[in-house]
Amino acid sequence: MEETLVIDDRKCPICGEPVGPGRKDKKYCSEPCRTESNNRMKEQARVAVSRSLPEFIQDINSILIKNRRILDECLGEQDKIRVEKRDLDGRGFNFKFITSQAPTSEDEGYCFCYETGYKIIDQKWVIVIRREREVIC
């Protein structure tokens, strides 16, 4: 009995290359193309949501994202450092905007901008930390 070769003419929607062998519903030629497609869909959804939010909420979120980026840049590869408060001020950090607080037993604790946080320890110094990202299933 002779086997017939089925030629699949499906093309990857990301790069245009042939999809190749696999499941009947396979859409992409490779894992990077599948990931790129998912990233594009997430970005489109994010843009759609941001368009539906009031402008003041978008402004607050922009401040929070900037604060997170500044703290993340200060940390680099470390999980905890001490920086001068004026360094954060100089980068445009806004101490009035946080996403959460984590109190400690002895004082107010840390203020967080997503997974990066800080604690003002005196007039001059701030401790910056990174906590493990929380995954909600």
Foldseek 3Di string as FASTA:
>chain_A
DDDDDDDDPAAAPQPRHDLDDDDPPRRHNDPVSVVVVVVVVVVVVVVVVVVVDDPVVVVLLVLLVQLQVLLCVVQPPHFKDKDWPVVCVVSPRDPVHADDFDQDPPDRHWTHSQQKTWDDPDNTMIMIGGDDHDDDD
